[in-house]
Amino acid sequence: MQLHYHSGIMLTALEAESTLTDRYQTTVPNTVRRALRLGKRDRLHYAIRPTGEVILTRADAVEDDPALGPFLDLLARDIAAHPERLQRVDMSLVQRGRELTAGVKFDLDAPLAPEDE
């Protein structure tokens, strides 16, 4: 099992397998569909790294922000090359963030105002 890290904390990877048919088709495993919040007719995006590793994401997530995918790839390569640089997030910083945002209401799905674009 391959393990992944986020903010210095080790996360367990979810894994799944599927089989190719004679026509090179496959069913996306339920574990993957749930993790990516996929529904019928959703589009998939494949990013193939030089190592042969394939990153599968929802196509609309990649199209929303063209800089996000390359940035996350850069971040993943840096973490893989230099895992010793990972550090735990100090809990006092987390608490300070909670204090600063207490009572703030926001909708992550709301469109940005033109001046915020």
C-alpha atoms as a PDB file:
ATOM      1  CA  MET A   1       0.000   0.000   0.000  1.00  0.00           C
ATOM      2  CA  GLN A   2       1.292   3.432  -0.901  1.00  0.00           C
ATOM      3  CA  LEU A   3       0.980   6.078   1.813  1.00  0.00           C
ATOM      4  CA  HIS A   4       0.389   9.759   1.192  1.00  0.00           C
ATOM      5  CA  TYR A   5       1.251  12.760   3.364  1.00  0.00           C
ATOM      6  CA  HIS A   6      -0.607  16.031   3.904  1.00  0.00           C
ATOM      7  CA  SER A   7       0.754  18.784   6.154  1.00  0.00           C
ATOM      8  CA  GLY A   8       3.191  16.303   7.678  1.00  0.00           C
ATOM      9  CA  ILE A   9       0.441  13.873   8.637  1.00  0.00           C
ATOM     10  CA  MET A  10       0.482  10.413   7.110  1.00  0.00           C
ATOM     11  CA  LEU A  11      -2.794   9.500   5.392  1.00  0.00           C
ATOM     12  CA  THR A  12      -3.785   6.007   4.342  1.00  0.00           C
ATOM     13  CA  ALA A  13      -4.381   5.697   0.627  1.00  0.00           C
ATOM     14  CA  LEU A  14      -7.576   4.212  -0.710  1.00  0.00           C
ATOM     15  CA  GLU A  15      -6.916   1.619  -3.349  1.00  0.00           C
ATOM     16  CA  ALA A  16      -9.085  -0.081  -5.940  1.00  0.00           C
ATOM     17  CA  GLU A  17      -8.660  -2.223  -9.026  1.00  0.00           C
ATOM     18  CA  SER A  18     -10.669  -2.804 -12.170  1.00  0.00           C
ATOM     19  CA  THR A  19     -10.276  -4.970 -15.253  1.00  0.00           C
ATOM     20  CA  LEU A  20     -10.111  -3.918 -18.897  1.00  0.00           C
ATOM     21  CA  THR A  21     -12.566  -5.567 -21.239  1.00  0.00           C
ATOM     22  CA  ASP A  22     -11.633  -6.757 -24.728  1.00  0.00           C
ATOM     23  CA  ARG A  23     -12.700  -3.304 -25.925  1.00  0.00           C
ATOM     24  CA  TYR A  24     -10.375  -1.531 -23.409  1.00  0.00           C
ATOM     25  CA  GLN A  25     -13.275  -0.386 -21.244  1.00  0.00           C
ATOM     26  CA  THR A  26     -13.571  -0.621 -17.478  1.00  0.00           C
ATOM     27  CA  THR A  27     -15.961   0.218 -14.663  1.00  0.00           C
ATOM     28  CA  VAL A  28     -14.782   2.885 -12.252  1.00  0.00           C
ATOM     29  CA  PRO A  29     -14.782   1.177  -8.841  1.00  0.00           C
ATOM     30  CA  ASN A  30     -17.276   2.428  -6.267  1.00  0.00           C
ATOM     31  CA  THR A  31     -14.435   3.516  -3.952  1.00  0.00           C
ATOM     32  CA  VAL A  32     -13.101   5.827  -6.663  1.00  0.00           C
ATOM     33  CA  ARG A  33     -16.549   7.130  -7.628  1.00  0.00           C
ATOM     34  CA  ARG A  34     -17.263   8.066  -4.017  1.00  0.00           C
ATOM     35  CA  ALA A  35     -13.836   9.643  -3.450  1.00  0.00           C
ATOM     36  CA  LEU A  36     -14.169  11.824  -6.566  1.00  0.00           C
ATOM     37  CA  ARG A  37     -17.917  12.379  -6.070  1.00  0.00           C
ATOM     38  CA  LEU A  38     -18.586  11.099  -9.567  1.00  0.00           C
ATOM     39  CA  GLY A  39     -22.032  10.738 -11.047  1.00  0.00           C
ATOM     40  CA  LYS A  40     -23.296   9.302 -14.293  1.00  0.00           C
ATOM     41  CA  ARG A  41     -22.018  11.150 -17.372  1.00  0.00           C
ATOM     42  CA  ASP A  42     -19.296  12.987 -15.391  1.00  0.00           C
ATOM     43  CA  ARG A  43     -16.067  13.431 -17.308  1.00  0.00           C
ATOM     44  CA  LEU A  44     -12.686  12.154 -16.113  1.00  0.00           C
ATOM     45  CA  HIS A  45      -9.269  13.743 -16.494  1.00  0.00           C
ATOM     46  CA  TYR A  46      -6.060  11.696 -16.629  1.00  0.00           C
ATOM     47  CA  ALA A  47      -2.670  13.249 -15.872  1.00  0.00           C
ATOM     48  CA  ILE A  48       0.201  10.900 -16.731  1.00  0.00           C
ATOM     49  CA  ARG A  49       3.468  11.589 -14.940  1.00  0.00           C
ATOM     50  CA  PRO A  50       6.897  10.721 -16.382  1.00  0.00           C
ATOM     51  CA  THR A  51       7.116   7.886 -13.831  1.00  0.00           C
ATOM     52  CA  GLY A  52       4.058   6.214 -15.391  1.00  0.00           C
ATOM     53  CA  GLU A  53       1.829   7.146 -12.450  1.00  0.00           C
ATOM     54  CA  VAL A  54      -1.641   8.258 -13.542  1.00  0.00           C
ATOM     55  CA  ILE A  55      -3.631  10.852 -11.617  1.00  0.00           C
ATOM     56  CA  LEU A  56      -7.384  10.547 -12.113  1.00  0.00           C
ATOM     57  CA  THR A  57      -9.603  13.542 -11.314  1.00  0.00           C
ATOM     58  CA  ARG A  58     -13.006  14.884 -12.276  1.00  0.00           C
ATOM     59  CA  ALA A  59     -12.586  16.787 -15.537  1.00  0.00           C
ATOM     60  CA  ASP A  60     -14.562  19.788 -14.292  1.00  0.00           C
ATOM     61  CA  ALA A  61     -12.246  20.157 -11.274  1.00  0.00           C
ATOM     62  CA  VAL A  62      -9.245  20.479 -13.609  1.00  0.00           C
ATOM     63  CA  GLU A  63     -11.013  22.901 -15.957  1.00  0.00           C
ATOM     64  CA  ASP A  64     -12.141  25.249 -13.154  1.00  0.00           C
ATOM     65  CA  ASP A  65      -8.611  26.401 -12.373  1.00  0.00           C
ATOM     66  CA  PRO A  66      -5.960  25.686 -14.998  1.00  0.00           C
ATOM     67  CA  ALA A  67      -3.170  26.568 -12.546  1.00  0.00           C
ATOM     68  CA  LEU A  68      -4.307  24.203  -9.792  1.00  0.00           C
ATOM     69  CA  GLY A  69      -3.412  20.912 -11.516  1.00  0.00           C
ATOM     70  CA  PRO A  70       0.159  21.923 -12.394  1.00  0.00           C
ATOM     71  CA  PHE A  71       0.650  23.408  -8.914  1.00  0.00           C
ATOM     72  CA  LEU A  72      -0.538  20.192  -7.233  1.00  0.00           C
ATOM     73  CA  ASP A  73       1.749  18.157  -9.523  1.00  0.00           C
ATOM     74  CA  LEU A  74       4.688  20.386  -8.550  1.00  0.00           C
ATOM     75  CA  LEU A  75       3.787  19.995  -4.881  1.00  0.00           C
ATOM     76  CA  ALA A  76       3.493  16.202  -5.174  1.00  0.00           C
ATOM     77  CA  ARG A  77       6.885  15.958  -6.926  1.00  0.00           C
ATOM     78  CA  ASP A  78       8.515  18.137  -4.257  1.00  0.00           C
ATOM     79  CA  ILE A  79       7.014  16.061  -1.421  1.00  0.00           C
ATOM     80  CA  ALA A  80       8.143  12.835  -3.094  1.00  0.00           C
ATOM     81  CA  ALA A  81      11.655  14.195  -3.650  1.00  0.00           C
ATOM     82  CA  HIS A  82      12.031  15.806  -0.210  1.00  0.00           C
ATOM     83  CA  PRO A  83       9.791  14.125   2.393  1.00  0.00           C
ATOM     84  CA  GLU A  84      12.146  15.374   5.108  1.00  0.00           C
ATOM     85  CA  ARG A  85      10.816  18.912   4.516  1.00  0.00           C
ATOM     86  CA  LEU A  86       7.308  18.007   5.700  1.00  0.00           C
ATOM     87  CA  GLN A  87       6.395  19.505   9.051  1.00  0.00           C
ATOM     88  CA  ARG A  88       3.401  19.191  11.312  1.00  0.00           C
ATOM     89  CA  VAL A  89       1.093  22.176  11.473  1.00  0.00           C
ATOM     90  CA  ASP A  90       1.422  23.752  14.896  1.00  0.00           C
ATOM     91  CA  MET A  91      -1.897  23.443  16.745  1.00  0.00           C
ATOM     92  CA  SER A  92      -1.614  27.041  17.989  1.00  0.00           C
ATOM     93  CA  LEU A  93      -1.750  28.144  14.336  1.00  0.00           C
ATOM     94  CA  VAL A  94      -4.845  25.995  13.768  1.00  0.00           C
ATOM     95  CA  GLN A  95      -6.495  27.459  16.865  1.00  0.00           C
ATOM     96  CA  ARG A  96      -5.631  31.015  15.792  1.00  0.00           C
ATOM     97  CA  GLY A  97      -7.205  30.338  12.381  1.00  0.00           C
ATOM     98  CA  ARG A  98     -10.363  29.065  14.060  1.00  0.00           C
ATOM     99  CA  GLU A  99     -10.516  32.170  16.228  1.00  0.00           C
ATOM    100  CA  LEU A 100     -10.078  34.494  13.251  1.00  0.00           C
ATOM    101  CA  THR A 101     -12.822  32.757  11.256  1.00  0.00           C
ATOM    102  CA  ALA A 102     -15.312  32.111  14.064  1.00  0.00           C
ATOM    103  CA  GLY A 103     -18.768  33.254  13.004  1.00  0.00           C
ATOM    104  CA  VAL A 104     -17.723  33.928   9.403  1.00  0.00           C
ATOM    105  CA  LYS A 105     -20.268  32.470   6.994  1.00  0.00           C
ATOM    106  CA  PHE A 106     -19.300  31.633   3.433  1.00  0.00           C
ATOM    107  CA  ASP A 107     -20.511  29.520   0.544  1.00  0.00           C
ATOM    108  CA  LEU A 108     -17.698  27.740  -1.313  1.00  0.00           C
ATOM    109  CA  ASP A 109     -20.031  27.192  -4.272  1.00  0.00           C
ATOM    110  CA  ALA A 110     -21.069  30.844  -4.619  1.00  0.00           C
ATOM    111  CA  PRO A 111     -19.603  32.634  -7.647  1.00  0.00           C
ATOM    112  CA  LEU A 112     -17.025  35.328  -6.966  1.00  0.00           C
ATOM    113  CA  ALA A 113     -17.954  38.950  -7.425  1.00  0.00           C
ATOM    114  CA  PRO A 114     -16.348  40.485 -10.539  1.00  0.00           C
ATOM    115  CA  GLU A 115     -13.942  42.519  -8.373  1.00  0.00           C
ATOM    116  CA  ASP A 116     -12.769  39.288  -6.675  1.00  0.00           C
ATOM    117  CA  GLU A 117     -12.034  37.390  -9.902  1.00  0.00           C
END
